[in-house]
Amino acid sequence: MNRQRRFHIIFAVHYLRYGLLLCLVPMLQALLAFDLDSLWAALRQDAVILLACAAAALALWRATAFRLEDGAVKVTQGVFYRSYHTFGRASIAALEIARPLYCRMLGASRITLYFKTNASPKSYSMFLHKKDAAAVADVLLPVRSDTSVFEPTGFERLSFVMLSANIITSSAFALWGVKQLDEVLGQNFQQIALDTFHEAELFAARYLPTGLAFLVTLGFAVTGFTFLYALLHTAGFKVCRNGGVIISKGGFVTLIERRILVACVSACDVCVTPPARLLRRYPVYLSAGSFRGGDLPVLVYKKGEERTVERLLPNFCPPDGPLCMPARKSPVQYLWQPGTLLALSLGLCGVASYAMPQILPMLFVPAVLALAGLLVSLEGFFREGLRKNANRTLSVCYTRFFTRHEVCVFTPDLSYTLLENPFSVSGGRCDVRVHLPCGLQYRVRGVLQYLAREIPFTL
């Protein structure tokens, strides 16, 4: 494909969002005036703004094109001020092809390129036709055959859905979906959802106190939306490896394909979350170049079956024991925050037991969360640390909120920050921040000073 090809027309529609924002200005003026003449004037102004933005977007789309040649993608863009970009195969660490529902209906794909270095730009996105996006992917990260490494079924599929659930993402998706249904079908689905939630709360209130019934109902609703979103997002998920490229595919509403160059993988993060502890299965996230891992783990492996990860990453080296010396650490550094929250929560529970007994069940929720945070911090006291492995990789273990992260860092392209205070200096300790090329950073507390100063020179 040596001839120039245009982007998909969705590329032009993508820029109309700015026109819609500009249309809010005349409507705001009409709202302040609050008369019919101002409304008609605002509508005429909005029509002119939309036509002007559509003409500008169409002109930009006609002036934007790409070409594949010599193992590179060359993009030309701009109307008055033209820019020329060349993205070679040697500069790509990962790429992602996403096909949301609206793109699939129009035969389009959004391809995002992630580069090896952290220089600007860190990534570049293009809206292309489906065949063009596949051709670009085959030129930059070619794949000849797929060897399946991870394809969850049965209980493994259920575990993968549970460990891939993201409360924030799924809640935003649910709110957006309800608003879209309101606009398309013309019914007030928001009110229907609120009425259903209120009925569920009344049912729970038969067996639980009022405040706790609300929290339990809200928790079940959010959990249900989260699992539904994760179930759709991980449908048909499969991970393969072809030579030096890792390929992951999946999705029902939005089809996503990711290709990651193994030689550019910066770190492998094993997240030990509370559901992972119950299921004894751990999700694995990869970062490569400017690619930070995305919203889905690349695989989930069972405890004791680290060979599954080694099939993708031969240099993967999980920590085989504690990476620190707890006797040289300060327990106060790890326990003061969750301990303070737990003491405050128990104090509130004690006051409410004789002042307002009806809200006592609600106050047990923050007490339980604070206790869980205290236990995770106590685990971090015994396990947080970093150490160089025999294969010249770096093992990092740290805790954050309710999750323990076990990271295997492959790249020597790192930067370190050592943080000290008068209390840590007197004990010969410091905190270490490890910065990856993609912008991620890991903070390890209570590292011995002499070990922290030697780590950058032993990798």
Protein backbone atom coordinates (compact mmCIF):
# COMPACT_ATOMS: atom_id res chain seq x y z
CA MET A 1 0.00 0.00 0.00
CA ASN A 2 2.30 2.77 -1.29
CA ARG A 3 -0.42 5.16 -2.39
CA GLN A 4 -1.88 7.75 -0.07
CA ARG A 5 -5.02 6.87 1.83
CA ARG A 6 -7.37 9.17 3.73
CA PHE A 7 -8.51 8.69 7.29
CA HIS A 8 -12.05 7.55 7.98
CA ILE A 9 -14.71 10.27 7.98
CA ILE A 10 -15.14 9.71 11.73
CA PHE A 11 -11.89 11.64 12.04
CA ALA A 12 -13.78 14.78 10.93
CA VAL A 13 -16.80 14.04 13.12
CA HIS A 14 -14.42 13.73 16.04
CA TYR A 15 -13.62 17.46 15.77
CA LEU A 16 -17.28 18.49 15.83
CA ARG A 17 -17.22 18.08 19.60
CA TYR A 18 -15.50 21.44 19.87
CA GLY A 19 -18.29 23.01 17.83
CA LEU A 20 -20.87 21.62 20.23
CA LEU A 21 -19.01 23.24 23.10
CA LEU A 22 -19.03 26.58 21.31
CA CYS A 23 -22.78 26.25 20.80
CA LEU A 24 -23.26 26.48 24.55
CA VAL A 25 -22.28 30.18 24.54
CA PRO A 26 -25.30 31.47 22.51
CA MET A 27 -27.63 29.15 24.41
CA LEU A 28 -26.35 30.53 27.70
CA GLN A 29 -27.03 34.08 26.50
CA ALA A 30 -30.55 33.06 25.46
CA LEU A 31 -31.11 31.47 28.84
CA LEU A 32 -30.11 34.70 30.61
CA ALA A 33 -32.38 36.80 28.36
CA PHE A 34 -35.21 34.23 28.67
CA ASP A 35 -37.32 35.32 25.70
CA LEU A 36 -38.33 33.79 22.37
CA ASP A 37 -36.36 36.22 20.17
CA SER A 38 -33.12 35.40 22.01
CA LEU A 39 -33.81 31.68 21.57
CA TRP A 40 -34.23 32.00 17.78
CA ALA A 41 -31.09 34.13 17.57
CA ALA A 42 -29.17 31.54 19.59
CA LEU A 43 -30.38 28.72 17.31
CA ARG A 44 -29.27 30.65 14.21
CA GLN A 45 -25.87 31.29 15.77
CA ASP A 46 -25.53 27.61 16.73
CA ALA A 47 -26.36 26.61 13.14
CA VAL A 48 -23.66 28.94 11.81
CA ILE A 49 -21.13 27.62 14.35
CA LEU A 50 -21.89 24.00 13.48
CA LEU A 51 -21.65 24.66 9.73
CA ALA A 52 -18.34 26.49 10.18
CA CYS A 53 -16.91 23.73 12.35
CA ALA A 54 -18.15 21.05 9.93
CA ALA A 55 -16.51 22.85 7.00
CA ALA A 56 -13.22 23.20 8.93
CA ALA A 57 -13.31 19.54 10.00
CA LEU A 58 -14.06 18.42 6.43
CA ALA A 59 -11.17 20.52 5.09
CA LEU A 60 -8.83 19.04 7.68
CA TRP A 61 -10.01 15.52 6.83
CA ARG A 62 -9.36 16.04 3.10
CA ALA A 63 -5.88 17.38 3.88
CA THR A 64 -4.98 14.42 6.13
CA ALA A 65 -3.61 11.23 4.59
CA PHE A 66 -1.20 8.40 5.36
CA ARG A 67 1.06 6.09 3.39
CA LEU A 68 2.78 2.78 4.17
CA GLU A 69 6.27 2.32 2.80
CA ASP A 70 9.62 0.87 3.91
CA GLY A 71 8.25 -0.51 7.19
CA ALA A 72 6.93 2.87 8.32
CA VAL A 73 3.74 4.93 8.42
CA LYS A 74 3.96 8.44 6.97
CA VAL A 75 1.17 10.83 7.94
CA THR A 76 0.48 14.20 6.33
CA GLN A 77 -1.80 16.57 8.20
CA GLY A 78 -2.78 20.25 8.15
CA VAL A 79 -4.47 22.85 5.94
CA PHE A 80 -2.47 26.08 6.19
CA TYR A 81 0.31 24.70 8.37
CA ARG A 82 1.19 21.20 7.20
CA SER A 83 2.98 18.63 9.34
CA TYR A 84 4.63 15.39 8.27
CA HIS A 85 5.04 12.48 10.68
CA THR A 86 7.00 9.29 10.10
CA PHE A 87 6.48 6.41 12.51
CA GLY A 88 8.93 3.62 11.86
CA ARG A 89 8.76 0.04 13.06
CA ALA A 90 11.83 0.57 15.25
CA SER A 91 10.06 3.29 17.28
CA ILE A 92 6.89 1.33 18.19
CA ALA A 93 6.60 -0.46 21.54
CA ALA A 94 2.89 -1.30 21.41
CA LEU A 95 -0.26 -0.54 19.47
CA GLU A 96 -3.97 -0.82 20.13
CA ILE A 97 -6.83 -1.28 17.67
CA ALA A 98 -10.19 -0.35 19.24
CA ARG A 99 -13.52 -0.79 17.48
CA PRO A 100 -16.36 0.70 19.58
CA LEU A 101 -19.91 0.02 18.48
CA TYR A 102 -20.25 3.26 16.51
CA CYS A 103 -16.98 2.53 14.68
CA ARG A 104 -18.07 -1.02 13.83
CA MET A 105 -21.33 0.28 12.38
CA LEU A 106 -19.38 2.58 10.04
CA GLY A 107 -16.50 0.20 9.26
CA ALA A 108 -13.89 2.23 11.15
CA SER A 109 -11.16 1.46 13.69
CA ARG A 110 -9.20 3.67 16.07
CA ILE A 111 -5.54 2.67 16.12
CA THR A 112 -3.22 4.10 18.78
CA LEU A 113 0.56 3.85 18.52
CA TYR A 114 2.70 3.83 21.66
CA PHE A 115 6.37 4.68 21.26
CA LYS A 116 9.45 3.27 22.93
CA THR A 117 10.75 6.55 24.27
CA ASN A 118 8.99 8.95 26.60
CA ALA A 119 9.65 11.93 24.31
CA SER A 120 6.74 13.88 22.85
CA PRO A 121 4.44 12.58 21.49
CA LYS A 122 4.02 9.58 23.78
CA SER A 123 1.24 8.17 21.58
CA TYR A 124 -0.57 8.91 18.33
CA SER A 125 -4.15 7.96 17.39
CA MET A 126 -5.73 7.61 13.94
CA PHE A 127 -9.26 6.81 12.75
CA LEU A 128 -8.84 4.47 9.76
CA HIS A 129 -10.92 2.06 7.78
CA LYS A 130 -10.90 -1.47 9.18
CA LYS A 131 -8.61 -2.89 6.48
CA ASP A 132 -6.26 0.08 6.65
CA ALA A 133 -5.89 -0.28 10.42
CA ALA A 134 -5.07 -3.97 10.05
CA ALA A 135 -2.51 -3.14 7.35
CA VAL A 136 -0.84 -0.53 9.57
CA ALA A 137 -0.65 -3.02 12.45
CA ASP A 138 0.87 -5.70 10.21
CA VAL A 139 3.52 -3.28 8.96
CA LEU A 140 4.56 -1.93 12.37
CA LEU A 141 4.20 -5.08 14.51
CA PRO A 142 3.80 -8.00 12.10
CA VAL A 143 2.27 -11.28 13.30
CA ARG A 144 2.36 -14.45 11.23
CA SER A 145 0.67 -17.02 13.46
CA ASP A 146 -1.01 -17.00 16.86
CA THR A 147 0.02 -19.43 19.63
CA SER A 148 -2.59 -19.25 22.37
CA VAL A 149 -1.14 -18.78 25.85
CA PHE A 150 -4.19 -17.71 27.87
CA GLU A 151 -7.84 -18.25 26.90
CA PRO A 152 -10.00 -18.39 30.04
CA THR A 153 -12.97 -20.76 30.22
CA GLY A 154 -15.19 -21.97 33.02
CA PHE A 155 -14.01 -20.92 36.48
CA GLU A 156 -10.95 -19.25 34.98
CA ARG A 157 -13.29 -17.09 32.92
CA LEU A 158 -15.28 -16.13 36.04
CA SER A 159 -12.05 -15.32 37.89
CA PHE A 160 -10.83 -13.18 35.00
CA VAL A 161 -14.11 -11.21 34.97
CA MET A 162 -13.98 -10.63 38.71
CA LEU A 163 -10.33 -9.56 38.71
CA SER A 164 -10.81 -7.29 35.68
CA ALA A 165 -13.74 -5.39 37.20
CA ASN A 166 -13.16 -1.67 37.58
CA ILE A 167 -15.73 0.16 39.69
CA ILE A 168 -14.93 3.66 38.40
CA THR A 169 -14.95 2.70 34.71
CA SER A 170 -18.08 0.59 34.93
CA SER A 171 -19.99 3.25 36.91
CA ALA A 172 -19.11 5.90 34.33
CA PHE A 173 -20.15 3.49 31.56
CA ALA A 174 -23.50 2.82 33.29
CA LEU A 175 -24.27 6.54 33.70
CA TRP A 176 -23.35 7.22 30.09
CA GLY A 177 -25.51 4.30 28.92
CA VAL A 178 -28.56 5.52 30.84
CA LYS A 179 -28.21 9.01 29.37
CA GLN A 180 -27.90 7.59 25.85
CA LEU A 181 -31.05 5.49 26.35
CA ASP A 182 -32.89 8.61 27.49
CA GLU A 183 -31.91 10.44 24.31
CA VAL A 184 -32.51 7.57 21.87
CA LEU A 185 -35.73 6.06 23.26
CA GLY A 186 -37.17 9.25 24.71
CA GLN A 187 -37.98 7.71 28.10
CA ASN A 188 -36.78 8.80 31.52
CA PHE A 189 -34.61 5.78 32.33
CA GLN A 190 -32.84 7.73 35.06
CA GLN A 191 -36.09 8.00 37.03
CA ILE A 192 -36.84 4.33 36.37
CA ALA A 193 -33.40 3.38 37.71
CA LEU A 194 -33.89 5.56 40.81
CA ASP A 195 -37.32 4.04 41.49
CA THR A 196 -35.92 0.51 41.15
CA PHE A 197 -33.07 1.37 43.51
CA HIS A 198 -35.55 2.79 46.05
CA GLU A 199 -37.65 -0.40 45.93
CA ALA A 200 -34.53 -2.52 46.46
CA GLU A 201 -33.57 -0.31 49.41
CA LEU A 202 -37.03 -0.75 50.97
CA PHE A 203 -36.71 -4.53 50.60
CA ALA A 204 -33.29 -4.51 52.29
CA ALA A 205 -34.64 -2.23 55.05
CA ARG A 206 -36.92 -5.08 56.18
CA TYR A 207 -33.90 -7.02 57.44
CA LEU A 208 -31.27 -4.29 57.98
CA PRO A 209 -31.16 -0.84 59.62
CA THR A 210 -32.08 2.04 57.32
CA GLY A 211 -28.61 3.51 56.79
CA LEU A 212 -26.96 0.12 56.37
CA ALA A 213 -29.70 -0.96 53.95
CA PHE A 214 -28.85 2.01 51.71
CA LEU A 215 -25.13 1.14 51.73
CA VAL A 216 -25.80 -2.56 51.04
CA THR A 217 -28.18 -1.73 48.17
CA LEU A 218 -25.71 0.74 46.69
CA GLY A 219 -22.92 -1.81 47.01
CA PHE A 220 -24.94 -4.51 45.24
CA ALA A 221 -25.95 -2.11 42.45
CA VAL A 222 -22.39 -0.91 41.83
CA THR A 223 -21.05 -4.47 42.00
CA GLY A 224 -23.69 -5.68 39.54
CA PHE A 225 -22.88 -2.93 37.03
CA THR A 226 -19.17 -3.60 37.51
CA PHE A 227 -19.45 -7.32 36.78
CA LEU A 228 -21.77 -6.73 33.81
CA TYR A 229 -19.31 -4.24 32.29
CA ALA A 230 -16.37 -6.58 32.95
CA LEU A 231 -18.29 -9.50 31.44
CA LEU A 232 -18.93 -7.56 28.22
CA HIS A 233 -15.43 -6.06 28.17
CA THR A 234 -13.67 -9.45 28.49
CA ALA A 235 -15.90 -11.52 26.16
CA GLY A 236 -13.84 -13.76 23.88
CA PHE A 237 -10.57 -12.65 25.51
CA LYS A 238 -7.47 -14.46 24.31
CA VAL A 239 -3.73 -13.85 24.67
CA CYS A 240 -1.23 -15.18 22.13
CA ARG A 241 2.46 -14.83 21.45
CA ASN A 242 4.08 -14.85 18.04
CA GLY A 243 7.85 -14.61 18.19
CA GLY A 244 8.57 -11.31 19.88
CA VAL A 245 4.99 -9.92 19.91
CA ILE A 246 2.27 -10.43 22.54
CA ILE A 247 -1.27 -10.20 21.14
CA SER A 248 -4.42 -9.82 23.26
CA LYS A 249 -7.93 -9.73 21.78
CA GLY A 250 -11.38 -9.48 23.30
CA GLY A 251 -14.51 -7.45 23.92
CA PHE A 252 -18.19 -7.58 23.02
CA VAL A 253 -19.42 -3.99 22.74
CA THR A 254 -15.93 -2.63 22.04
CA LEU A 255 -13.50 -4.95 20.26
CA ILE A 256 -9.91 -4.33 21.35
CA GLU A 257 -6.72 -5.83 20.00
CA ARG A 258 -3.36 -4.98 21.57
CA ARG A 259 0.08 -5.86 20.27
CA ILE A 260 3.07 -5.44 22.58
CA LEU A 261 6.70 -5.91 21.59
CA VAL A 262 8.27 -8.25 24.15
CA ALA A 263 11.69 -6.58 23.84
CA CYS A 264 10.13 -3.26 24.94
CA VAL A 265 8.28 -4.52 28.01
CA SER A 266 9.39 -2.31 30.90
CA ALA A 267 7.70 -4.02 33.83
CA CYS A 268 5.29 -6.77 34.80
CA ASP A 269 2.95 -5.88 37.68
CA VAL A 270 1.20 -8.67 39.61
CA CYS A 271 -1.69 -7.13 41.59
CA VAL A 272 -2.71 -9.03 44.73
CA THR A 273 -6.14 -7.52 45.38
CA PRO A 274 -8.69 -8.74 47.98
CA PRO A 275 -10.63 -10.75 45.32
CA ALA A 276 -7.32 -12.19 44.09
CA ARG A 277 -6.53 -13.41 47.60
CA LEU A 278 -9.90 -15.17 47.82
CA LEU A 279 -9.63 -16.75 44.37
CA ARG A 280 -5.85 -17.42 44.65
CA ARG A 281 -5.48 -16.07 41.13
CA TYR A 282 -3.50 -12.96 40.30
CA PRO A 283 -3.91 -10.50 37.37
CA VAL A 284 -0.80 -9.42 35.47
CA TYR A 285 -0.42 -5.98 33.84
CA LEU A 286 2.34 -5.04 31.40
CA SER A 287 3.90 -1.67 30.58
CA ALA A 288 6.01 -1.14 27.48
CA GLY A 289 7.54 2.15 26.34
CA SER A 290 4.85 4.81 26.77
CA PHE A 291 2.12 2.13 27.07
CA ARG A 292 0.96 1.95 30.70
CA GLY A 293 -0.95 -1.35 30.65
CA GLY A 294 -4.50 -0.40 29.73
CA ASP A 295 -7.59 -1.31 31.72
CA LEU A 296 -7.34 -5.10 31.33
CA PRO A 297 -4.73 -7.54 32.65
CA VAL A 298 -2.83 -9.45 30.02
CA LEU A 299 -3.57 -12.70 31.87
CA VAL A 300 -4.52 -14.20 35.23
CA TYR A 301 -2.48 -17.06 36.68
CA LYS A 302 -3.11 -19.43 39.55
CA LYS A 303 -0.88 -19.33 42.61
CA GLY A 304 2.12 -21.56 42.04
CA GLU A 305 1.75 -21.53 38.22
CA GLU A 306 4.18 -18.73 37.39
CA ARG A 307 5.22 -20.69 34.29
CA THR A 308 2.14 -19.25 32.56
CA VAL A 309 3.70 -15.81 32.81
CA GLU A 310 7.12 -17.16 31.79
CA ARG A 311 5.60 -18.41 28.52
CA LEU A 312 4.95 -14.77 27.65
CA LEU A 313 7.97 -13.25 29.40
CA PRO A 314 10.88 -15.70 29.80
CA ASN A 315 12.78 -13.29 32.09
CA PHE A 316 9.91 -13.01 34.56
CA CYS A 317 11.27 -13.57 38.07
CA PRO A 318 8.73 -13.47 40.93
CA PRO A 319 10.08 -12.69 44.40
CA ASP A 320 10.80 -15.96 46.23
CA GLY A 321 10.81 -14.39 49.68
CA PRO A 322 10.83 -11.13 51.63
CA LEU A 323 12.68 -8.32 49.88
CA CYS A 324 13.44 -6.45 53.09
CA MET A 325 14.63 -6.71 56.69
CA PRO A 326 11.61 -5.93 58.91
CA ALA A 327 13.81 -5.66 61.99
CA ARG A 328 15.43 -2.53 60.51
CA LYS A 329 12.09 -0.87 59.63
CA SER A 330 9.87 1.53 61.57
CA PRO A 331 6.38 0.14 62.29
CA VAL A 332 5.07 3.67 62.86
CA GLN A 333 5.80 4.62 59.22
CA TYR A 334 3.44 1.87 57.99
CA LEU A 335 0.74 1.80 60.66
CA TRP A 336 0.11 5.37 61.76
CA GLN A 337 -2.32 6.31 58.98
CA PRO A 338 -4.62 3.25 59.03
CA GLY A 339 -4.22 3.03 62.81
CA THR A 340 -5.41 6.61 63.22
CA LEU A 341 -8.41 6.00 60.94
CA LEU A 342 -9.28 2.84 62.87
CA ALA A 343 -9.06 4.65 66.21
CA LEU A 344 -11.30 7.47 64.94
CA SER A 345 -13.82 4.99 63.54
CA LEU A 346 -13.95 3.02 66.80
CA GLY A 347 -14.27 6.27 68.74
CA LEU A 348 -17.25 7.31 66.61
CA CYS A 349 -18.78 3.87 67.12
CA GLY A 350 -18.32 4.25 70.89
CA VAL A 351 -20.01 7.67 70.93
CA ALA A 352 -22.84 6.50 68.68
CA SER A 353 -23.51 3.43 70.86
CA TYR A 354 -25.11 5.63 73.55
CA ALA A 355 -25.85 8.89 71.67
CA MET A 356 -27.31 7.67 68.34
CA PRO A 357 -27.60 3.86 68.33
CA GLN A 358 -29.58 3.89 65.06
CA ILE A 359 -26.52 4.93 63.00
CA LEU A 360 -24.14 2.49 64.68
CA PRO A 361 -24.33 -0.13 61.86
CA MET A 362 -23.30 2.51 59.30
CA LEU A 363 -20.24 3.44 61.35
CA PHE A 364 -19.05 -0.16 61.35
CA VAL A 365 -18.37 0.14 57.59
CA PRO A 366 -15.48 2.66 57.87
CA ALA A 367 -14.17 0.72 60.89
CA VAL A 368 -13.99 -2.49 58.84
CA LEU A 369 -12.33 -0.67 55.93
CA ALA A 370 -9.78 0.91 58.27
CA LEU A 371 -9.04 -2.50 59.80
CA ALA A 372 -8.48 -3.97 56.31
CA GLY A 373 -6.12 -1.09 55.49
CA LEU A 374 -4.25 -1.71 58.75
CA LEU A 375 -3.78 -5.40 57.86
CA VAL A 376 -2.48 -4.54 54.38
CA SER A 377 -0.07 -1.98 55.85
CA LEU A 378 1.13 -4.59 58.33
CA GLU A 379 1.75 -6.94 55.42
CA GLY A 380 3.71 -4.17 53.71
CA PHE A 381 5.86 -3.81 56.84
CA PHE A 382 7.00 -7.42 56.43
CA ARG A 383 7.16 -7.60 52.61
CA GLU A 384 7.84 -4.19 51.04
CA GLY A 385 11.28 -3.86 49.49
CA LEU A 386 13.34 -4.17 46.31
CA ARG A 387 16.17 -6.43 45.23
CA LYS A 388 18.24 -7.22 42.17
CA ASN A 389 17.60 -10.69 40.71
CA ALA A 390 20.16 -13.09 39.27
CA ASN A 391 18.94 -12.41 35.70
CA ARG A 392 19.61 -8.66 36.14
CA THR A 393 15.95 -7.75 36.61
CA LEU A 394 14.63 -5.78 39.57
CA SER A 395 11.97 -7.11 41.96
CA VAL A 396 9.85 -4.45 43.65
CA CYS A 397 7.14 -5.09 46.23
CA TYR A 398 4.94 -2.33 47.67
CA THR A 399 1.42 -1.88 49.02
CA ARG A 400 -1.13 0.74 48.06
CA PHE A 401 -4.60 0.98 49.56
CA PHE A 402 -5.85 -2.64 49.73
CA THR A 403 -3.53 -4.07 47.07
CA ARG A 404 -0.05 -5.55 47.20
CA HIS A 405 1.94 -5.03 44.00
CA GLU A 406 4.73 -7.44 43.05
CA VAL A 407 6.61 -5.89 40.13
CA CYS A 408 9.36 -7.37 37.98
CA VAL A 409 11.20 -4.56 36.19
CA PHE A 410 13.00 -5.61 33.01
CA THR A 411 14.38 -2.36 31.62
CA PRO A 412 17.52 -0.63 32.96
CA ASP A 413 16.14 2.66 31.62
CA LEU A 414 15.02 3.83 35.05
CA SER A 415 15.39 6.81 37.32
CA TYR A 416 15.43 6.74 41.10
CA THR A 417 14.47 9.22 43.80
CA LEU A 418 15.62 8.69 47.39
CA LEU A 419 13.53 10.41 50.08
CA GLU A 420 14.91 10.94 53.58
CA ASN A 421 13.79 12.66 56.77
CA PRO A 422 15.50 13.09 60.14
CA PHE A 423 13.79 10.00 61.58
CA SER A 424 14.74 7.73 58.67
CA VAL A 425 18.32 9.04 58.54
CA SER A 426 18.85 8.14 62.18
CA GLY A 427 17.75 4.56 61.40
CA GLY A 428 19.74 4.30 58.17
CA ARG A 429 16.58 4.05 56.03
CA CYS A 430 15.02 5.93 53.14
CA ASP A 431 12.06 5.74 50.76
CA VAL A 432 12.80 4.91 47.13
CA ARG A 433 10.75 5.90 44.10
CA VAL A 434 11.40 3.93 40.92
CA HIS A 435 10.32 5.83 37.76
CA LEU A 436 9.53 3.93 34.55
CA PRO A 437 9.76 5.39 31.02
CA CYS A 438 5.94 5.38 30.71
CA GLY A 439 5.55 7.67 33.72
CA LEU A 440 4.57 5.04 36.29
CA GLN A 441 6.35 5.16 39.61
CA TYR A 442 6.65 2.71 42.49
CA ARG A 443 7.29 3.91 46.03
CA VAL A 444 9.00 1.51 48.42
CA ARG A 445 9.24 2.50 52.08
CA GLY A 446 11.89 1.68 54.63
CA VAL A 447 14.75 0.62 52.33
CA LEU A 448 18.23 0.50 53.86
CA GLN A 449 20.27 3.45 52.64
CA TYR A 450 23.33 1.55 51.51
CA LEU A 451 21.21 -0.91 49.50
CA ALA A 452 19.17 1.88 47.90
CA ARG A 453 22.32 3.72 46.79
CA GLU A 454 23.80 0.56 45.22
CA ILE A 455 20.72 -0.60 43.27
CA PRO A 456 21.17 1.73 40.23
CA PHE A 457 24.75 0.53 39.75
CA THR A 458 24.09 -3.21 40.00
CA LEU A 459 21.44 -3.58 37.27
